[in-house]
């Protein structure tokens, strides 16, 4: 999906408004910005450990959280 928008003044900075159809594709919260080949890439922040709490709780319930050393 391609949508045109403009760079606007936001306080002492500049920014863009992200149209609702783009946000509805699942992008929300904290994002990372990267410039590559004169293009700004916006992507969700990678959180590789986001499910660890649930995994550790499950391990504790099963008694599988003891050291093997």
PDB file of N, CA and C in Angstrom:
ATOM      1  N   UNK A   1       0.846  -1.166   0.000  1.00  0.00           N
ATOM      2  CA  UNK A   1       0.000   0.000   0.000  1.00  0.00           C
ATOM      3  C   UNK A   1       0.897   1.237   0.000  1.00  0.00           C
ATOM      4  N   UNK A   2       0.655   2.147  -0.880  1.00  0.00           N
ATOM      5  CA  UNK A   2       1.408   3.393  -0.955  1.00  0.00           C
ATOM      6  C   UNK A   2       0.457   4.559  -0.748  1.00  0.00           C
ATOM      7  N   UNK A   3       0.784   5.430   0.203  1.00  0.00           N
ATOM      8  CA  UNK A   3      -0.020   6.613   0.500  1.00  0.00           C
ATOM      9  C   UNK A   3       0.924   7.800   0.578  1.00  0.00           C
ATOM     10  N   UNK A   4       0.575   8.902  -0.083  1.00  0.00           N
ATOM     11  CA  UNK A   4       1.403  10.115  -0.004  1.00  0.00           C
ATOM     12  C   UNK A   4       1.022  10.920   1.223  1.00  0.00           C
ATOM     13  N   UNK A   5       2.033  11.530   1.843  1.00  0.00           N
ATOM     14  CA  UNK A   5       1.831  12.434   2.967  1.00  0.00           C
ATOM     15  C   UNK A   5       2.919  13.499   2.904  1.00  0.00           C
ATOM     16  N   UNK A   6       2.856  14.488   3.758  1.00  0.00           N
ATOM     17  CA  UNK A   6       3.830  15.584   3.747  1.00  0.00           C
ATOM     18  C   UNK A   6       4.585  15.643   5.061  1.00  0.00           C
ATOM     19  N   UNK A   7       5.793  16.183   5.010  1.00  0.00           N
ATOM     20  CA  UNK A   7       6.556  16.470   6.220  1.00  0.00           C
ATOM     21  C   UNK A   7       5.984  17.764   6.788  1.00  0.00           C
ATOM     22  N   UNK A   8       5.628  17.742   8.082  1.00  0.00           N
ATOM     23  CA  UNK A   8       4.989  18.902   8.711  1.00  0.00           C
ATOM     24  C   UNK A   8       5.783  19.347   9.935  1.00  0.00           C
ATOM     25  N   UNK A   9       5.530  20.559  10.370  1.00  0.00           N
ATOM     26  CA  UNK A   9       6.140  21.102  11.578  1.00  0.00           C
ATOM     27  C   UNK A   9       5.393  20.551  12.785  1.00  0.00           C
ATOM     28  N   UNK A  10       6.132  19.988  13.748  1.00  0.00           N
ATOM     29  CA  UNK A  10       5.555  19.501  14.999  1.00  0.00           C
ATOM     30  C   UNK A  10       6.407  20.090  16.119  1.00  0.00           C
ATOM     31  N   UNK A  11       5.947  21.186  16.693  1.00  0.00           N
ATOM     32  CA  UNK A  11       6.738  21.891  17.697  1.00  0.00           C
ATOM     33  C   UNK A  11       8.010  22.409  17.063  1.00  0.00           C
ATOM     34  N   UNK A  12       9.167  22.115  17.655  1.00  0.00           N
ATOM     35  CA  UNK A  12      10.458  22.528  17.108  1.00  0.00           C
ATOM     36  C   UNK A  12      11.038  21.493  16.157  1.00  0.00           C
ATOM     37  N   UNK A  13      10.292  20.407  15.919  1.00  0.00           N
ATOM     38  CA  UNK A  13      10.761  19.329  15.056  1.00  0.00           C
ATOM     39  C   UNK A  13       9.896  19.240  13.815  1.00  0.00           C
ATOM     40  N   UNK A  14      10.191  18.285  12.998  1.00  0.00           N
ATOM     41  CA  UNK A  14       9.353  17.992  11.844  1.00  0.00           C
ATOM     42  C   UNK A  14       8.983  16.521  11.896  1.00  0.00           C
ATOM     43  N   UNK A  15       7.871  16.174  11.288  1.00  0.00           N
ATOM     44  CA  UNK A  15       7.439  14.786  11.305  1.00  0.00           C
ATOM     45  C   UNK A  15       6.428  14.522  10.209  1.00  0.00           C
ATOM     46  N   UNK A  16       5.895  13.330  10.247  1.00  0.00           N
ATOM     47  CA  UNK A  16       4.838  12.964   9.304  1.00  0.00           C
ATOM     48  C   UNK A  16       3.661  12.404  10.080  1.00  0.00           C
ATOM     49  N   UNK A  17       2.484  12.539   9.522  1.00  0.00           N
ATOM     50  CA  UNK A  17       1.300  11.889  10.076  1.00  0.00           C
ATOM     51  C   UNK A  17       1.180  10.555   9.362  1.00  0.00           C
ATOM     52  N   UNK A  18       0.996   9.496  10.132  1.00  0.00           N
ATOM     53  CA  UNK A  18       0.838   8.179   9.530  1.00  0.00           C
ATOM     54  C   UNK A  18      -0.662   7.933   9.365  1.00  0.00           C
ATOM     55  N   UNK A  19      -1.117   7.775   8.121  1.00  0.00           N
ATOM     56  CA  UNK A  19      -2.547   7.588   7.884  1.00  0.00           C
ATOM     57  C   UNK A  19      -3.090   6.316   8.553  1.00  0.00           C
ATOM     58  N   UNK A  20      -4.346   6.384   8.965  1.00  0.00           N
ATOM     59  CA  UNK A  20      -4.999   5.289   9.675  1.00  0.00           C
ATOM     60  C   UNK A  20      -4.895   3.935   8.961  1.00  0.00           C
ATOM     61  N   UNK A  21      -5.083   3.869   7.641  1.00  0.00           N
ATOM     62  CA  UNK A  21      -4.978   2.554   6.983  1.00  0.00           C
ATOM     63  C   UNK A  21      -3.615   1.880   7.181  1.00  0.00           C
ATOM     64  N   UNK A  22      -2.553   2.673   7.264  1.00  0.00           N
ATOM     65  CA  UNK A  22      -1.232   2.101   7.506  1.00  0.00           C
ATOM     66  C   UNK A  22      -1.105   1.613   8.945  1.00  0.00           C
ATOM     67  N   UNK A  23      -1.662   2.371   9.892  1.00  0.00           N
ATOM     68  CA  UNK A  23      -1.603   1.959  11.292  1.00  0.00           C
ATOM     69  C   UNK A  23      -2.443   0.709  11.537  1.00  0.00           C
ATOM     70  N   UNK A  24      -3.524   0.573  10.811  1.00  0.00           N
ATOM     71  CA  UNK A  24      -4.393  -0.594  10.969  1.00  0.00           C
ATOM     72  C   UNK A  24      -3.733  -1.879  10.480  1.00  0.00           C
ATOM     73  N   UNK A  25      -2.611  -1.762   9.799  1.00  0.00           N
ATOM     74  CA  UNK A  25      -1.909  -2.956   9.342  1.00  0.00           C
ATOM     75  C   UNK A  25      -1.153  -3.638  10.483  1.00  0.00           C
ATOM     76  N   UNK A  26      -1.211  -3.080  11.689  1.00  0.00           N
ATOM     77  CA  UNK A  26      -0.617  -3.723  12.858  1.00  0.00           C
ATOM     78  C   UNK A  26       0.529  -2.982  13.495  1.00  0.00           C
ATOM     79  N   UNK A  27       0.898  -1.833  13.008  1.00  0.00           N
ATOM     80  CA  UNK A  27       1.997  -1.063  13.567  1.00  0.00           C
ATOM     81  C   UNK A  27       1.471  -0.186  14.694  1.00  0.00           C
ATOM     82  N   UNK A  28       2.078  -0.301  15.878  1.00  0.00           N
ATOM     83  CA  UNK A  28       1.671   0.554  16.992  1.00  0.00           C
ATOM     84  C   UNK A  28       2.780   0.583  18.031  1.00  0.00           C
ATOM     85  N   UNK A  29       2.667   1.478  18.970  1.00  0.00           N
ATOM     86  CA  UNK A  29       3.650   1.557  20.045  1.00  0.00           C
ATOM     87  C   UNK A  29       4.996   2.049  19.570  1.00  0.00           C
ATOM     88  N   UNK A  30       6.033   1.503  20.155  1.00  0.00           N
ATOM     89  CA  UNK A  30       7.397   1.922  19.849  1.00  0.00           C
ATOM     90  C   UNK A  30       7.866   1.330  18.525  1.00  0.00           C
ATOM     91  N   UNK A  31       8.529   2.154  17.725  1.00  0.00           N
ATOM     92  CA  UNK A  31       9.031   1.720  16.420  1.00  0.00           C
ATOM     93  C   UNK A  31      10.501   2.108  16.275  1.00  0.00           C
ATOM     94  N   UNK A  32      11.149   1.496  15.309  1.00  0.00           N
ATOM     95  CA  UNK A  32      12.526   1.835  14.961  1.00  0.00           C
ATOM     96  C   UNK A  32      12.519   2.484  13.586  1.00  0.00           C
ATOM     97  N   UNK A  33      13.363   3.506  13.409  1.00  0.00           N
ATOM     98  CA  UNK A  33      13.509   4.186  12.125  1.00  0.00           C
ATOM     99  C   UNK A  33      14.898   3.914  11.580  1.00  0.00           C
ATOM    100  N   UNK A  34      14.973   3.708  10.290  1.00  0.00           N
ATOM    101  CA  UNK A  34      16.255   3.471   9.632  1.00  0.00           C
ATOM    102  C   UNK A  34      16.214   4.135   8.262  1.00  0.00           C
ATOM    103  N   UNK A  35      17.302   4.754   7.879  1.00  0.00           N
ATOM    104  CA  UNK A  35      17.416   5.334   6.540  1.00  0.00           C
ATOM    105  C   UNK A  35      18.257   4.392   5.698  1.00  0.00           C
ATOM    106  N   UNK A  36      17.696   3.971   4.564  1.00  0.00           N
ATOM    107  CA  UNK A  36      18.397   3.053   3.660  1.00  0.00           C
ATOM    108  C   UNK A  36      18.082   3.464   2.227  1.00  0.00           C
ATOM    109  N   UNK A  37      19.107   3.783   1.463  1.00  0.00           N
ATOM    110  CA  UNK A  37      18.926   4.166   0.053  1.00  0.00           C
ATOM    111  C   UNK A  37      17.904   5.290  -0.130  1.00  0.00           C
ATOM    112  N   UNK A  38      18.057   6.352   0.664  1.00  0.00           N
ATOM    113  CA  UNK A  38      17.188   7.525   0.583  1.00  0.00           C
ATOM    114  C   UNK A  38      15.728   7.189   0.903  1.00  0.00           C
ATOM    115  N   UNK A  39      15.520   6.157   1.715  1.00  0.00           N
ATOM    116  CA  UNK A  39      14.192   5.719   2.116  1.00  0.00           C
ATOM    117  C   UNK A  39      14.170   5.581   3.634  1.00  0.00           C
ATOM    118  N   UNK A  40      13.104   6.046   4.269  1.00  0.00           N
ATOM    119  CA  UNK A  40      12.942   5.857   5.709  1.00  0.00           C
ATOM    120  C   UNK A  40      12.139   4.576   5.916  1.00  0.00           C
ATOM    121  N   UNK A  41      12.723   3.659   6.665  1.00  0.00           N
ATOM    122  CA  UNK A  41      12.066   2.388   6.970  1.00  0.00           C
ATOM    123  C   UNK A  41      11.574   2.465   8.418  1.00  0.00           C
ATOM    124  N   UNK A  42      10.283   2.218   8.625  1.00  0.00           N
ATOM    125  CA  UNK A  42       9.683   2.212   9.960  1.00  0.00           C
ATOM    126  C   UNK A  42       9.270   0.776  10.257  1.00  0.00           C
ATOM    127  N   UNK A  43       9.757   0.243  11.391  1.00  0.00           N
ATOM    128  CA  UNK A  43       9.379  -1.124  11.734  1.00  0.00           C
ATOM    129  C   UNK A  43       9.163  -1.245  13.241  1.00  0.00           C
ATOM    130  N   UNK A  44       8.343  -2.205  13.631  1.00  0.00           N
ATOM    131  CA  UNK A  44       8.083  -2.443  15.038  1.00  0.00           C
ATOM    132  C   UNK A  44       9.397  -2.797  15.739  1.00  0.00           C
ATOM    133  N   UNK A  45       9.514  -2.389  16.984  1.00  0.00           N
ATOM    134  CA  UNK A  45      10.708  -2.694  17.764  1.00  0.00           C
ATOM    135  C   UNK A  45      10.732  -4.195  18.024  1.00  0.00           C
ATOM    136  N   UNK A  46      11.857  -4.802  17.764  1.00  0.00           N
ATOM    137  CA  UNK A  46      12.028  -6.232  17.995  1.00  0.00           C
ATOM    138  C   UNK A  46      12.222  -6.471  19.487  1.00  0.00           C
ATOM    139  N   UNK A  47      11.420  -7.337  20.052  1.00  0.00           N
ATOM    140  CA  UNK A  47      11.528  -7.688  21.470  1.00  0.00           C
ATOM    141  C   UNK A  47      11.673  -9.205  21.580  1.00  0.00           C
ATOM    142  N   UNK A  48      12.894  -9.703  21.406  1.00  0.00           N
ATOM    143  CA  UNK A  48      13.102 -11.153  21.379  1.00  0.00           C
ATOM    144  C   UNK A  48      12.759 -11.864  22.686  1.00  0.00           C
ATOM    145  N   UNK A  49      12.711 -11.161  23.804  1.00  0.00           N
ATOM    146  CA  UNK A  49      12.431 -11.797  25.099  1.00  0.00           C
ATOM    147  C   UNK A  49      11.022 -11.522  25.601  1.00  0.00           C
ATOM    148  N   UNK A  50      10.125 -11.051  24.748  1.00  0.00           N
ATOM    149  CA  UNK A  50       8.800 -10.615  25.197  1.00  0.00           C
ATOM    150  C   UNK A  50       7.971 -11.722  25.825  1.00  0.00           C
ATOM    151  N   UNK A  51       8.159 -12.974  25.446  1.00  0.00           N
ATOM    152  CA  UNK A  51       7.351 -14.071  25.976  1.00  0.00           C
ATOM    153  C   UNK A  51       8.055 -14.861  27.077  1.00  0.00           C
ATOM    154  N   UNK A  52       9.178 -14.389  27.550  1.00  0.00           N
ATOM    155  CA  UNK A  52       9.943 -15.135  28.547  1.00  0.00           C
ATOM    156  C   UNK A  52       9.185 -15.286  29.863  1.00  0.00           C
ATOM    157  N   UNK A  53       8.455 -14.262  30.310  1.00  0.00           N
ATOM    158  CA  UNK A  53       7.721 -14.360  31.575  1.00  0.00           C
ATOM    159  C   UNK A  53       6.765 -15.546  31.554  1.00  0.00           C
ATOM    160  N   UNK A  54       6.004 -15.674  30.487  1.00  0.00           N
ATOM    161  CA  UNK A  54       5.048 -16.778  30.369  1.00  0.00           C
ATOM    162  C   UNK A  54       5.774 -18.122  30.289  1.00  0.00           C
ATOM    163  N   UNK A  55       6.890 -18.162  29.574  1.00  0.00           N
ATOM    164  CA  UNK A  55       7.650 -19.403  29.453  1.00  0.00           C
ATOM    165  C   UNK A  55       8.218 -19.825  30.804  1.00  0.00           C
ATOM    166  N   UNK A  56       8.748 -18.883  31.574  1.00  0.00           N
ATOM    167  CA  UNK A  56       9.301 -19.205  32.886  1.00  0.00           C
ATOM    168  C   UNK A  56       8.201 -19.647  33.849  1.00  0.00           C
ATOM    169  N   UNK A  57       7.049 -19.000  33.790  1.00  0.00           N
ATOM    170  CA  UNK A  57       5.929 -19.399  34.652  1.00  0.00           C
ATOM    171  C   UNK A  57       5.485 -20.820  34.330  1.00  0.00           C
ATOM    172  N   UNK A  58       5.424 -21.139  33.061  1.00  0.00           N
ATOM    173  CA  UNK A  58       5.049 -22.487  32.636  1.00  0.00           C
ATOM    174  C   UNK A  58       6.079 -23.512  33.108  1.00  0.00           C
ATOM    175  N   UNK A  59       7.351 -23.161  32.992  1.00  0.00           N
ATOM    176  CA  UNK A  59       8.412 -24.063  33.455  1.00  0.00           C
ATOM    177  C   UNK A  59       8.300 -24.298  34.961  1.00  0.00           C
ATOM    178  N   UNK A  60       8.003 -23.257  35.729  1.00  0.00           N
ATOM    179  CA  UNK A  60       7.891 -23.378  37.179  1.00  0.00           C
ATOM    180  C   UNK A  60       6.718 -24.279  37.542  1.00  0.00           C
ATOM    181  N   UNK A  61       5.595 -24.146  36.830  1.00  0.00           N
ATOM    182  CA  UNK A  61       4.434 -24.986  37.091  1.00  0.00           C
ATOM    183  C   UNK A  61       4.752 -26.459  36.848  1.00  0.00           C
ATOM    184  N   UNK A  62       5.615 -26.735  35.895  1.00  0.00           N
ATOM    185  CA  UNK A  62       5.966 -28.114  35.537  1.00  0.00           C
ATOM    186  C   UNK A  62       7.184 -28.628  36.317  1.00  0.00           C
ATOM    187  N   UNK A  63       7.739 -27.775  37.194  1.00  0.00           N
ATOM    188  CA  UNK A  63       8.925 -28.168  37.960  1.00  0.00           C
ATOM    189  C   UNK A  63      10.173 -28.277  37.101  1.00  0.00           C
ATOM    190  N   UNK A  64      10.162 -27.587  35.979  1.00  0.00           N
ATOM    191  CA  UNK A  64      11.272 -27.667  35.036  1.00  0.00           C
ATOM    192  C   UNK A  64      12.150 -26.417  35.103  1.00  0.00           C
ATOM    193  N   UNK A  65      12.251 -25.837  36.303  1.00  0.00           N
ATOM    194  CA  UNK A  65      13.022 -24.604  36.442  1.00  0.00           C
ATOM    195  C   UNK A  65      14.166 -24.755  37.439  1.00  0.00           C
ATOM    196  N   UNK A  66      14.740 -25.956  37.514  1.00  0.00           N
ATOM    197  CA  UNK A  66      15.868 -26.191  38.421  1.00  0.00           C
ATOM    198  C   UNK A  66      17.171 -26.225  37.640  1.00  0.00           C
ATOM    199  N   UNK A  67      18.252 -25.862  38.312  1.00  0.00           N
ATOM    200  CA  UNK A  67      19.558 -25.898  37.659  1.00  0.00           C
ATOM    201  C   UNK A  67      19.987 -27.351  37.441  1.00  0.00           C
ATOM    202  N   UNK A  68      20.617 -27.620  36.318  1.00  0.00           N
ATOM    203  CA  UNK A  68      21.067 -28.971  36.019  1.00  0.00           C
ATOM    204  C   UNK A  68      22.562 -29.146  36.265  1.00  0.00           C
ATOM    205  N   UNK A  69      23.209 -28.103  36.724  1.00  0.00           N
ATOM    206  CA  UNK A  69      24.646 -28.156  37.007  1.00  0.00           C
ATOM    207  C   UNK A  69      24.939 -28.930  38.258  1.00  0.00           C
TER     208      UNK A  69
END
